[in-house]
PDB file of all heavy atoms in Angstrom:
ATOM      1  N   ILE A   1      -3.890  20.721  33.771  1.00  0.00           N
ATOM      2  CA  ILE A   1      -2.665  21.051  33.201  1.00  0.00           C
ATOM      3  C   ILE A   1      -2.702  20.571  31.720  1.00  0.00           C
ATOM      4  O   ILE A   1      -2.985  19.353  31.419  1.00  0.00           O
ATOM      5  CB  ILE A   1      -1.468  20.272  33.948  1.00  0.00           C
ATOM      6  CG1 ILE A   1      -1.368  20.785  35.377  1.00  0.00           C
ATOM      7  CG2 ILE A   1      -0.081  20.420  33.245  1.00  0.00           C
ATOM      8  CD1 ILE A   1      -0.464  19.986  36.232  1.00  0.00           C
ATOM      9  N   ALA A   2      -2.479  21.496  30.839  1.00  0.00           N
ATOM     10  CA  ALA A   2      -2.521  21.126  29.492  1.00  0.00           C
ATOM     11  C   ALA A   2      -1.095  20.754  28.949  1.00  0.00           C
ATOM     12  O   ALA A   2      -0.130  21.531  29.229  1.00  0.00           O
ATOM     13  CB  ALA A   2      -3.035  22.265  28.648  1.00  0.00           C
ATOM     14  N   SER A   3      -0.930  19.687  28.411  1.00  0.00           N
ATOM     15  CA  SER A   3       0.322  19.310  27.876  1.00  0.00           C
ATOM     16  C   SER A   3       0.258  19.260  26.299  1.00  0.00           C
ATOM     17  O   SER A   3      -0.711  18.815  25.750  1.00  0.00           O
ATOM     18  CB  SER A   3       0.830  18.011  28.378  1.00  0.00           C
ATOM     19  OG  SER A   3      -0.059  16.979  27.937  1.00  0.00           O
ATOM     20  N   LEU A   4       1.216  19.804  25.676  1.00  0.00           N
ATOM     21  CA  LEU A   4       1.222  19.801  24.233  1.00  0.00           C
ATOM     22  C   LEU A   4       2.278  18.692  23.727  1.00  0.00           C
ATOM     23  O   LEU A   4       3.338  18.660  24.263  1.00  0.00           O
ATOM     24  CB  LEU A   4       1.676  21.144  23.685  1.00  0.00           C
ATOM     25  CG  LEU A   4       0.747  22.307  24.099  1.00  0.00           C
ATOM     26  CD1 LEU A   4       1.352  23.594  23.591  1.00  0.00           C
ATOM     27  CD2 LEU A   4      -0.574  22.074  23.408  1.00  0.00           C
ATOM     28  N   VAL A   5       1.773  17.984  22.799  1.00  0.00           N
ATOM     29  CA  VAL A   5       2.681  16.999  22.228  1.00  0.00           C
ATOM     30  C   VAL A   5       2.850  17.288  20.786  1.00  0.00           C
ATOM     31  O   VAL A   5       1.903  17.466  20.049  1.00  0.00           O
ATOM     32  CB  VAL A   5       2.128  15.625  22.412  1.00  0.00           C
ATOM     33  CG1 VAL A   5       2.909  14.520  21.761  1.00  0.00           C
ATOM     34  CG2 VAL A   5       1.840  15.283  23.830  1.00  0.00           C
ATOM     35  N   PHE A   6       4.034  17.480  20.392  1.00  0.00           N
ATOM     36  CA  PHE A   6       4.369  17.762  18.981  1.00  0.00           C
ATOM     37  C   PHE A   6       4.858  16.542  18.348  1.00  0.00           C
ATOM     38  O   PHE A   6       5.793  15.857  18.770  1.00  0.00           O
ATOM     39  CB  PHE A   6       5.444  18.859  18.919  1.00  0.00           C
ATOM     40  CG  PHE A   6       5.044  20.187  19.375  1.00  0.00           C
ATOM     41  CD1 PHE A   6       5.322  20.588  20.712  1.00  0.00           C
ATOM     42  CD2 PHE A   6       4.221  21.075  18.668  1.00  0.00           C
ATOM     43  CE1 PHE A   6       4.933  21.811  21.250  1.00  0.00           C
ATOM     44  CE2 PHE A   6       3.866  22.320  19.125  1.00  0.00           C
ATOM     45  CZ  PHE A   6       4.232  22.608  20.460  1.00  0.00           C
ATOM     46  N   LEU A   7       4.149  16.171  17.286  1.00  0.00           N
ATOM     47  CA  LEU A   7       4.539  15.080  16.550  1.00  0.00           C
ATOM     48  C   LEU A   7       5.116  15.461  15.233  1.00  0.00           C
ATOM     49  O   LEU A   7       4.476  16.235  14.503  1.00  0.00           O
ATOM     50  CB  LEU A   7       3.289  14.094  16.293  1.00  0.00           C
ATOM     51  CG  LEU A   7       2.593  13.571  17.495  1.00  0.00           C
ATOM     52  CD1 LEU A   7       1.350  12.781  17.157  1.00  0.00           C
ATOM     53  CD2 LEU A   7       3.599  12.650  18.237  1.00  0.00           C
ATOM     54  N   MET A   8       6.180  14.998  14.868  1.00  0.00           N
ATOM     55  CA  MET A   8       6.801  15.325  13.602  1.00  0.00           C
ATOM     56  C   MET A   8       6.551  14.088  12.738  1.00  0.00           C
ATOM     57  O   MET A   8       6.939  12.999  12.919  1.00  0.00           O
ATOM     58  CB  MET A   8       8.376  15.466  13.750  1.00  0.00           C
ATOM     59  CG  MET A   8       8.688  16.684  14.612  1.00  0.00           C
ATOM     60  SD  MET A   8      10.436  17.042  14.605  1.00  0.00           S
ATOM     61  CE  MET A   8      10.712  17.406  12.921  1.00  0.00           C
ATOM     62  N   ALA A   9       5.754  14.382  11.763  1.00  0.00           N
ATOM     63  CA  ALA A   9       5.417  13.312  10.825  1.00  0.00           C
ATOM     64  C   ALA A   9       6.575  12.991   9.851  1.00  0.00           C
ATOM     65  O   ALA A   9       7.111  14.006   9.269  1.00  0.00           O
ATOM     66  CB  ALA A   9       4.176  13.718  10.046  1.00  0.00           C
ATOM     67  N   GLN A  10       6.953  11.824   9.792  1.00  0.00           N
ATOM     68  CA  GLN A  10       8.022  11.416   8.878  1.00  0.00           C
ATOM     69  C   GLN A  10       7.346  10.770   7.729  1.00  0.00           C
ATOM     70  O   GLN A  10       6.608   9.769   7.841  1.00  0.00           O
ATOM     71  CB  GLN A  10       8.969  10.366   9.544  1.00  0.00           C
ATOM     72  CG  GLN A  10       9.800  10.960  10.632  1.00  0.00           C
ATOM     73  CD  GLN A  10      10.712   9.937  11.211  1.00  0.00           C
ATOM     74  OE1 GLN A  10      10.556   8.734  10.999  1.00  0.00           O
ATOM     75  NE2 GLN A  10      11.849  10.395  11.760  1.00  0.00           N
ATOM     76  N   SER A  11       7.568  11.298   6.573  1.00  0.00           N
ATOM     77  CA  SER A  11       6.951  10.765   5.397  1.00  0.00           C
ATOM     78  C   SER A  11       7.829   9.605   4.826  1.00  0.00           C
ATOM     79  O   SER A  11       9.086   9.730   4.795  1.00  0.00           O
ATOM     80  CB  SER A  11       6.738  11.734   4.350  1.00  0.00           C
ATOM     81  OG  SER A  11       7.920  12.447   3.990  1.00  0.00           O
ATOM     82  N   LEU A  12       7.306   8.496   4.610  1.00  0.00           N
ATOM     83  CA  LEU A  12       8.015   7.241   4.179  1.00  0.00           C
ATOM     84  C   LEU A  12       7.982   7.344   2.660  1.00  0.00           C
ATOM     85  O   LEU A  12       7.041   7.859   2.040  1.00  0.00           O
ATOM     86  CB  LEU A  12       7.258   6.034   4.605  1.00  0.00           C
ATOM     87  CG  LEU A  12       7.332   5.744   6.122  1.00  0.00           C
ATOM     88  CD1 LEU A  12       6.414   4.616   6.450  1.00  0.00           C
ATOM     89  CD2 LEU A  12       8.719   5.511   6.650  1.00  0.00           C
ATOM     90  N   PRO A  13       8.989   6.772   1.967  1.00  0.00           N
ATOM     91  CA  PRO A  13       9.033   6.684   0.579  1.00  0.00           C
ATOM     92  C   PRO A  13       7.763   5.853   0.168  1.00  0.00           C
ATOM     93  O   PRO A  13       7.182   5.005   0.906  1.00  0.00           O
ATOM     94  CB  PRO A  13      10.297   5.866   0.299  1.00  0.00           C
ATOM     95  CG  PRO A  13      11.042   6.027   1.457  1.00  0.00           C
ATOM     96  CD  PRO A  13      10.168   6.241   2.581  1.00  0.00           C
ATOM     97  N   VAL A  14       7.299   6.036  -1.107  1.00  0.00           N
ATOM     98  CA  VAL A  14       6.196   5.308  -1.554  1.00  0.00           C
ATOM     99  C   VAL A  14       6.619   4.539  -2.780  1.00  0.00           C
ATOM    100  O   VAL A  14       7.276   4.999  -3.682  1.00  0.00           O
ATOM    101  CB  VAL A  14       5.019   6.279  -2.000  1.00  0.00           C
ATOM    102  CG1 VAL A  14       3.894   5.488  -2.712  1.00  0.00           C
ATOM    103  CG2 VAL A  14       4.537   6.988  -0.824  1.00  0.00           C
ATOM    104  N   PHE A  15       6.432   3.212  -2.779  1.00  0.00           N
ATOM    105  CA  PHE A  15       6.685   2.303  -3.854  1.00  0.00           C
ATOM    106  C   PHE A  15       5.495   2.051  -4.670  1.00  0.00           C
ATOM    107  O   PHE A  15       4.414   1.834  -4.145  1.00  0.00           O
ATOM    108  CB  PHE A  15       7.309   0.966  -3.407  1.00  0.00           C
ATOM    109  CG  PHE A  15       8.637   1.046  -2.728  1.00  0.00           C
ATOM    110  CD1 PHE A  15       8.720   0.543  -1.395  1.00  0.00           C
ATOM    111  CD2 PHE A  15       9.703   1.670  -3.309  1.00  0.00           C
ATOM    112  CE1 PHE A  15       9.917   0.680  -0.713  1.00  0.00           C
ATOM    113  CE2 PHE A  15      10.919   1.777  -2.580  1.00  0.00           C
ATOM    114  CZ  PHE A  15      11.045   1.267  -1.293  1.00  0.00           C
ATOM    115  N   SER A  16       5.568   1.973  -5.987  1.00  0.00           N
ATOM    116  CA  SER A  16       4.474   1.540  -6.857  1.00  0.00           C
ATOM    117  C   SER A  16       4.799   0.071  -7.169  1.00  0.00           C
ATOM    118  O   SER A  16       5.868  -0.306  -7.662  1.00  0.00           O
ATOM    119  CB  SER A  16       4.447   2.340  -8.089  1.00  0.00           C
ATOM    120  OG  SER A  16       3.349   2.036  -8.919  1.00  0.00           O
ATOM    121  N   LEU A  17       3.914  -0.844  -6.846  1.00  0.00           N
ATOM    122  CA  LEU A  17       4.097  -2.330  -6.997  1.00  0.00           C
ATOM    123  C   LEU A  17       3.529  -2.714  -8.370  1.00  0.00           C
ATOM    124  O   LEU A  17       2.414  -2.384  -8.727  1.00  0.00           O
ATOM    125  CB  LEU A  17       3.529  -3.053  -5.841  1.00  0.00           C
ATOM    126  CG  LEU A  17       3.987  -2.770  -4.487  1.00  0.00           C
ATOM    127  CD1 LEU A  17       3.253  -3.657  -3.389  1.00  0.00           C
ATOM    128  CD2 LEU A  17       5.445  -2.984  -4.385  1.00  0.00           C
ATOM    129  N   PRO A  18       4.252  -3.667  -9.001  1.00  0.00           N
ATOM    130  CA  PRO A  18       3.664  -4.168 -10.307  1.00  0.00           C
ATOM    131  C   PRO A  18       2.385  -5.004 -10.066  1.00  0.00           C
ATOM    132  O   PRO A  18       2.281  -5.737  -9.077  1.00  0.00           O
ATOM    133  CB  PRO A  18       4.775  -5.072 -10.799  1.00  0.00           C
ATOM    134  CG  PRO A  18       5.627  -5.406  -9.668  1.00  0.00           C
ATOM    135  CD  PRO A  18       5.429  -4.231  -8.642  1.00  0.00           C
ATOM    136  N   THR A  19       1.420  -4.754 -10.957  1.00  0.00           N
ATOM    137  CA  THR A  19       0.074  -5.324 -10.749  1.00  0.00           C
ATOM    138  C   THR A  19      -0.467  -5.825 -12.136  1.00  0.00           C
ATOM    139  O   THR A  19      -0.248  -5.108 -13.054  1.00  0.00           O
ATOM    140  CB  THR A  19      -0.861  -4.237 -10.114  1.00  0.00           C
ATOM    141  OG1 THR A  19      -0.243  -3.758  -8.942  1.00  0.00           O
ATOM    142  CG2 THR A  19      -2.272  -4.803  -9.856  1.00  0.00           C
ATOM    143  N   SER A  20      -1.078  -6.897 -12.114  1.00  0.00           N
ATOM    144  CA  SER A  20      -1.628  -7.476 -13.413  1.00  0.00           C
ATOM    145  C   SER A  20      -3.183  -7.827 -13.114  1.00  0.00           C
ATOM    146  O   SER A  20      -3.505  -8.306 -12.047  1.00  0.00           O
ATOM    147  CB  SER A  20      -0.954  -8.717 -13.777  1.00  0.00           C
ATOM    148  OG  SER A  20       0.415  -8.441 -14.037  1.00  0.00           O
ATOM    149  N   ALA A  21      -3.974  -7.722 -14.237  1.00  0.00           N
ATOM    150  CA  ALA A  21      -5.348  -8.124 -14.125  1.00  0.00           C
ATOM    151  C   ALA A  21      -5.286  -9.761 -14.339  1.00  0.00           C
ATOM    152  O   ALA A  21      -4.423 -10.216 -15.114  1.00  0.00           O
ATOM    153  CB  ALA A  21      -6.156  -7.517 -15.250  1.00  0.00           C
ATOM    154  N   ILE A  22      -6.156 -10.415 -13.610  1.00  0.00           N
ATOM    155  CA  ILE A  22      -6.220 -11.856 -13.716  1.00  0.00           C
ATOM    156  C   ILE A  22      -7.625 -12.327 -13.926  1.00  0.00           C
ATOM    157  O   ILE A  22      -8.618 -11.579 -13.736  1.00  0.00           O
ATOM    158  CB  ILE A  22      -5.648 -12.543 -12.543  1.00  0.00           C
ATOM    159  CG1 ILE A  22      -6.328 -12.103 -11.180  1.00  0.00           C
ATOM    160  CG2 ILE A  22      -4.145 -12.314 -12.344  1.00  0.00           C
ATOM    161  CD1 ILE A  22      -5.860 -12.876  -9.960  1.00  0.00           C
ATOM    162  N   GLN A  23      -7.839 -13.626 -14.217  1.00  0.00           N
ATOM    163  CA  GLN A  23      -9.202 -14.141 -14.440  1.00  0.00           C
ATOM    164  C   GLN A  23      -9.927 -14.186 -13.125  1.00  0.00           C
ATOM    165  O   GLN A  23      -9.328 -14.374 -12.057  1.00  0.00           O
ATOM    166  CB  GLN A  23      -9.102 -15.656 -14.861  1.00  0.00           C
ATOM    167  CG  GLN A  23      -8.486 -15.778 -16.247  1.00  0.00           C
ATOM    168  CD  GLN A  23      -9.581 -15.643 -17.365  1.00  0.00           C
ATOM    169  OE1 GLN A  23     -10.725 -16.018 -17.107  1.00  0.00           O
ATOM    170  NE2 GLN A  23      -9.269 -15.084 -18.457  1.00  0.00           N
ATOM    171  N   GLY A  24     -11.097 -13.922 -13.217  1.00  0.00           N
ATOM    172  CA  GLY A  24     -12.030 -14.046 -11.996  1.00  0.00           C
ATOM    173  C   GLY A  24     -12.649 -12.753 -11.624  1.00  0.00           C
ATOM    174  O   GLY A  24     -12.523 -11.745 -12.329  1.00  0.00           O
ATOM    175  N   GLY A  25     -13.149 -12.613 -10.449  1.00  0.00           N
ATOM    176  CA  GLY A  25     -13.829 -11.422  -9.941  1.00  0.00           C
ATOM    177  C   GLY A  25     -15.370 -11.466 -10.101  1.00  0.00           C
ATOM    178  O   GLY A  25     -15.889 -12.226 -10.958  1.00  0.00           O
ATOM    179  N   SER A  26     -15.981 -10.707  -9.357  1.00  0.00           N
ATOM    180  CA  SER A  26     -17.386 -10.643  -9.373  1.00  0.00           C
ATOM    181  C   SER A  26     -17.879  -9.876 -10.555  1.00  0.00           C
ATOM    182  O   SER A  26     -17.093  -9.206 -11.225  1.00  0.00           O
ATOM    183  CB  SER A  26     -17.992  -9.915  -8.193  1.00  0.00           C
ATOM    184  OG  SER A  26     -17.423 -10.506  -6.933  1.00  0.00           O
ATOM    185  N   ARG A  27     -19.194  -9.974 -10.876  1.00  0.00           N
ATOM    186  CA  ARG A  27     -19.736  -9.331 -12.079  1.00  0.00           C
ATOM    187  C   ARG A  27     -19.537  -7.801 -11.915  1.00  0.00           C
ATOM    188  O   ARG A  27     -19.770  -7.211 -10.785  1.00  0.00           O
ATOM    189  CB  ARG A  27     -21.300  -9.598 -12.115  1.00  0.00           C
ATOM    190  CG  ARG A  27     -21.886  -9.077 -13.357  1.00  0.00           C
ATOM    191  CD  ARG A  27     -23.335  -9.410 -13.407  1.00  0.00           C
ATOM    192  NE  ARG A  27     -24.062  -8.674 -14.390  1.00  0.00           N
ATOM    193  CZ  ARG A  27     -24.723  -9.223 -15.355  1.00  0.00           C
ATOM    194  NH1 ARG A  27     -24.890 -10.500 -15.298  1.00  0.00           N
ATOM    195  NH2 ARG A  27     -25.276  -8.485 -16.246  1.00  0.00           N
ATOM    196  N   GLY A  28     -19.077  -7.190 -12.976  1.00  0.00           N
ATOM    197  CA  GLY A  28     -18.758  -5.789 -12.925  1.00  0.00           C
ATOM    198  C   GLY A  28     -17.491  -5.376 -12.254  1.00  0.00           C
ATOM    199  O   GLY A  28     -17.189  -4.215 -12.016  1.00  0.00           O
ATOM    200  N   CYS A  29     -16.722  -6.368 -11.948  1.00  0.00           N
ATOM    201  CA  CYS A  29     -15.411  -6.070 -11.161  1.00  0.00           C
ATOM    202  C   CYS A  29     -14.335  -6.754 -12.018  1.00  0.00           C
ATOM    203  O   CYS A  29     -14.450  -7.713 -12.779  1.00  0.00           O
ATOM    204  CB  CYS A  29     -15.420  -6.800  -9.826  1.00  0.00           C
ATOM    205  SG  CYS A  29     -16.814  -6.219  -8.822  1.00  0.00           S
ATOM    206  N   ILE A  30     -13.090  -6.274 -11.811  1.00  0.00           N
ATOM    207  CA  ILE A  30     -11.917  -6.800 -12.320  1.00  0.00           C
ATOM    208  C   ILE A  30     -10.946  -7.196 -11.196  1.00  0.00           C
ATOM    209  O   ILE A  30     -10.759  -6.435 -10.301  1.00  0.00           O
ATOM    210  CB  ILE A  30     -11.179  -5.848 -13.238  1.00  0.00           C
ATOM    211  CG1 ILE A  30     -12.072  -5.511 -14.431  1.00  0.00           C
ATOM    212  CG2 ILE A  30      -9.849  -6.405 -13.807  1.00  0.00           C
ATOM    213  CD1 ILE A  30     -11.508  -4.385 -15.365  1.00  0.00           C
ATOM    214  N   LYS A  31     -10.465  -8.449 -11.280  1.00  0.00           N
ATOM    215  CA  LYS A  31      -9.535  -9.010 -10.223  1.00  0.00           C
ATOM    216  C   LYS A  31      -8.158  -8.733 -10.660  1.00  0.00           C
ATOM    217  O   LYS A  31      -7.772  -8.838 -11.855  1.00  0.00           O
ATOM    218  CB  LYS A  31      -9.793 -10.461 -10.035  1.00  0.00           C
ATOM    219  CG  LYS A  31      -9.249 -11.072  -8.772  1.00  0.00           C
ATOM    220  CD  LYS A  31      -9.712 -12.496  -8.708  1.00  0.00           C
ATOM    221  CE  LYS A  31      -9.257 -13.147  -7.423  1.00  0.00           C
ATOM    222  NZ  LYS A  31      -9.765 -14.420  -7.234  1.00  0.00           N
ATOM    223  N   TYR A  32      -7.287  -8.334  -9.641  1.00  0.00           N
ATOM    224  CA  TYR A  32      -5.910  -7.974  -9.907  1.00  0.00           C
ATOM    225  C   TYR A  32      -5.032  -8.829  -8.940  1.00  0.00           C
ATOM    226  O   TYR A  32      -5.430  -9.148  -7.788  1.00  0.00           O
ATOM    227  CB  TYR A  32      -5.669  -6.508  -9.679  1.00  0.00           C
ATOM    228  CG  TYR A  32      -6.388  -5.592 -10.584  1.00  0.00           C
ATOM    229  CD1 TYR A  32      -7.694  -5.157 -10.325  1.00  0.00           C
ATOM    230  CD2 TYR A  32      -5.768  -5.243 -11.838  1.00  0.00           C
ATOM    231  CE1 TYR A  32      -8.407  -4.308 -11.280  1.00  0.00           C
ATOM    232  CE2 TYR A  32      -6.448  -4.404 -12.710  1.00  0.00           C
ATOM    233  CZ  TYR A  32      -7.682  -3.930 -12.437  1.00  0.00           C
ATOM    234  OH  TYR A  32      -8.383  -3.112 -13.320  1.00  0.00           O
ATOM    235  N   VAL A  33      -3.769  -8.893  -9.274  1.00  0.00           N
ATOM    236  CA  VAL A  33      -2.758  -9.574  -8.336  1.00  0.00           C
ATOM    237  C   VAL A  33      -1.539  -8.534  -8.381  1.00  0.00           C
ATOM    238  O   VAL A  33      -1.104  -8.047  -9.381  1.00  0.00           O
ATOM    239  CB  VAL A  33      -2.379 -10.927  -8.760  1.00  0.00           C
ATOM    240  CG1 VAL A  33      -1.706 -10.950 -10.086  1.00  0.00           C
ATOM    241  CG2 VAL A  33      -1.456 -11.563  -7.632  1.00  0.00           C
ATOM    242  N   THR A  34      -1.039  -8.244  -7.209  1.00  0.00           N
ATOM    243  CA  THR A  34       0.159  -7.334  -6.995  1.00  0.00           C
ATOM    244  C   THR A  34       1.203  -8.053  -6.391  1.00  0.00           C
ATOM    245  O   THR A  34       0.893  -9.026  -5.525  1.00  0.00           O
ATOM    246  CB  THR A  34      -0.228  -5.990  -6.291  1.00  0.00           C
ATOM    247  OG1 THR A  34       0.902  -5.105  -6.470  1.00  0.00           O
ATOM    248  CG2 THR A  34      -0.583  -6.272  -4.897  1.00  0.00           C
ATOM    249  N   THR A  35       2.479  -7.778  -6.653  1.00  0.00           N
ATOM    250  CA  THR A  35       3.527  -8.518  -6.174  1.00  0.00           C
ATOM    251  C   THR A  35       4.620  -7.556  -5.479  1.00  0.00           C
ATOM    252  O   THR A  35       4.953  -6.609  -6.123  1.00  0.00           O
ATOM    253  CB  THR A  35       4.341  -9.373  -7.217  1.00  0.00           C
ATOM    254  OG1 THR A  35       3.360 -10.162  -7.845  1.00  0.00           O
ATOM    255  CG2 THR A  35       5.408 -10.251  -6.704  1.00  0.00           C
ATOM    256  N   ASN A  36       5.132  -7.909  -4.314  1.00  0.00           N
ATOM    257  CA  ASN A  36       6.165  -7.111  -3.720  1.00  0.00           C
ATOM    258  C   ASN A  36       7.587  -7.591  -4.385  1.00  0.00           C
ATOM    259  O   ASN A  36       8.053  -8.635  -4.086  1.00  0.00           O
ATOM    260  CB  ASN A  36       6.199  -7.306  -2.242  1.00  0.00           C
ATOM    261  CG  ASN A  36       7.425  -6.555  -1.617  1.00  0.00           C
ATOM    262  OD1 ASN A  36       8.128  -5.788  -2.246  1.00  0.00           O
ATOM    263  ND2 ASN A  36       7.519  -6.779  -0.349  1.00  0.00           N
ATOM    264  N   THR A  37       8.034  -6.736  -5.300  1.00  0.00           N
ATOM    265  CA  THR A  37       9.290  -7.128  -5.993  1.00  0.00           C
ATOM    266  C   THR A  37      10.464  -6.405  -5.374  1.00  0.00           C
ATOM    267  O   THR A  37      11.603  -6.490  -5.873  1.00  0.00           O
ATOM    268  CB  THR A  37       9.154  -6.676  -7.494  1.00  0.00           C
ATOM    269  OG1 THR A  37       8.821  -5.302  -7.536  1.00  0.00           O
ATOM    270  CG2 THR A  37       8.106  -7.500  -8.203  1.00  0.00           C
ATOM    271  N   THR A  38      10.239  -5.749  -4.177  1.00  0.00           N
ATOM    272  CA  THR A  38      11.397  -5.155  -3.500  1.00  0.00           C
ATOM    273  C   THR A  38      12.161  -6.180  -2.640  1.00  0.00           C
ATOM    274  O   THR A  38      11.646  -7.331  -2.547  1.00  0.00           O
ATOM    275  CB  THR A  38      10.854  -4.040  -2.582  1.00  0.00           C
ATOM    276  OG1 THR A  38      10.210  -4.624  -1.485  1.00  0.00           O
ATOM    277  CG2 THR A  38      10.033  -3.012  -3.269  1.00  0.00           C
ATOM    278  N   SER A  39      13.350  -5.855  -2.080  1.00  0.00           N
ATOM    279  CA  SER A  39      14.124  -6.759  -1.400  1.00  0.00           C
ATOM    280  C   SER A  39      13.712  -6.865   0.126  1.00  0.00           C
ATOM    281  O   SER A  39      14.228  -7.648   0.891  1.00  0.00           O
ATOM    282  CB  SER A  39      15.614  -6.444  -1.498  1.00  0.00           C
ATOM    283  OG  SER A  39      15.743  -5.084  -0.990  1.00  0.00           O
ATOM    284  N   GLY A  40      12.690  -6.043   0.500  1.00  0.00           N
ATOM    285  CA  GLY A  40      12.254  -6.062   1.882  1.00  0.00           C
ATOM    286  C   GLY A  40      10.739  -6.054   2.001  1.00  0.00           C
ATOM    287  O   GLY A  40      10.000  -5.878   1.011  1.00  0.00           O
ATOM    288  N   THR A  41      10.245  -6.106   3.200  1.00  0.00           N
ATOM    289  CA  THR A  41       8.804  -6.086   3.479  1.00  0.00           C
ATOM    290  C   THR A  41       8.271  -4.679   3.222  1.00  0.00           C
ATOM    291  O   THR A  41       8.890  -3.695   3.601  1.00  0.00           O
ATOM    292  CB  THR A  41       8.513  -6.483   4.958  1.00  0.00           C
ATOM    293  OG1 THR A  41       8.995  -7.823   5.128  1.00  0.00           O
ATOM    294  CG2 THR A  41       7.053  -6.371   5.310  1.00  0.00           C
ATOM    295  N   VAL A  42       7.114  -4.622   2.670  1.00  0.00           N
ATOM    296  CA  VAL A  42       6.448  -3.236   2.433  1.00  0.00           C
ATOM    297  C   VAL A  42       5.142  -3.286   3.325  1.00  0.00           C
ATOM    298  O   VAL A  42       4.665  -4.345   3.667  1.00  0.00           O
ATOM    299  CB  VAL A  42       6.028  -3.003   0.942  1.00  0.00           C
ATOM    300  CG1 VAL A  42       7.343  -2.786   0.194  1.00  0.00           C
ATOM    301  CG2 VAL A  42       5.189  -4.082   0.362  1.00  0.00           C
ATOM    302  N   ILE A  43       4.739  -2.073   3.769  1.00  0.00           N
ATOM    303  CA  ILE A  43       3.582  -1.996   4.579  1.00  0.00           C
ATOM    304  C   ILE A  43       2.540  -1.064   3.974  1.00  0.00           C
ATOM    305  O   ILE A  43       2.902  -0.340   2.981  1.00  0.00           O
ATOM    306  CB  ILE A  43       3.941  -1.513   6.008  1.00  0.00           C
ATOM    307  CG1 ILE A  43       4.596  -0.095   5.908  1.00  0.00           C
ATOM    308  CG2 ILE A  43       4.788  -2.502   6.772  1.00  0.00           C
ATOM    309  CD1 ILE A  43       4.921   0.506   7.298  1.00  0.00           C
ATOM    310  N   ASN A  44       1.338  -0.994   4.563  1.00  0.00           N
ATOM    311  CA  ASN A  44       0.290  -0.032   3.999  1.00  0.00           C
ATOM    312  C   ASN A  44      -0.068  -0.242   2.579  1.00  0.00           C
ATOM    313  O   ASN A  44       0.076   0.800   1.860  1.00  0.00           O
ATOM    314  CB  ASN A  44       0.699   1.391   4.398  1.00  0.00           C
ATOM    315  CG  ASN A  44       1.002   1.665   5.859  1.00  0.00           C
ATOM    316  OD1 ASN A  44       0.332   1.071   6.681  1.00  0.00           O
ATOM    317  ND2 ASN A  44       1.882   2.541   6.052  1.00  0.00           N
ATOM    318  N   VAL A  45      -0.240  -1.406   2.140  1.00  0.00           N
ATOM    319  CA  VAL A  45      -0.433  -1.631   0.716  1.00  0.00           C
ATOM    320  C   VAL A  45      -1.879  -1.308   0.394  1.00  0.00           C
ATOM    321  O   VAL A  45      -2.894  -1.762   0.924  1.00  0.00           O
ATOM    322  CB  VAL A  45      -0.271  -3.143   0.430  1.00  0.00           C
ATOM    323  CG1 VAL A  45      -0.397  -3.476  -1.046  1.00  0.00           C
ATOM    324  CG2 VAL A  45       1.152  -3.622   0.879  1.00  0.00           C
ATOM    325  N   LYS A  46      -2.065  -0.390  -0.632  1.00  0.00           N
ATOM    326  CA  LYS A  46      -3.314   0.100  -1.053  1.00  0.00           C
ATOM    327  C   LYS A  46      -3.332   0.355  -2.449  1.00  0.00           C
ATOM    328  O   LYS A  46      -2.352   0.574  -3.148  1.00  0.00           O
ATOM    329  CB  LYS A  46      -3.677   1.411  -0.237  1.00  0.00           C
ATOM    330  CG  LYS A  46      -2.910   2.544  -0.492  1.00  0.00           C
ATOM    331  CD  LYS A  46      -3.258   3.724   0.284  1.00  0.00           C
ATOM    332  CE  LYS A  46      -2.309   4.888   0.088  1.00  0.00           C
ATOM    333  NZ  LYS A  46      -2.658   6.039   0.855  1.00  0.00           N
TER     334      LYS A  46
END
């Protein structure tokens, strides 16, 4: 018995978080820090 499941993908809003370069990091790399400046928790930070 084949069952079909239809998933409706809900696209979530995307926030751009403020980010700054900071001291440190490996050779050939730049280190950054990002801050969640929203009023709630954010997920899938990339």
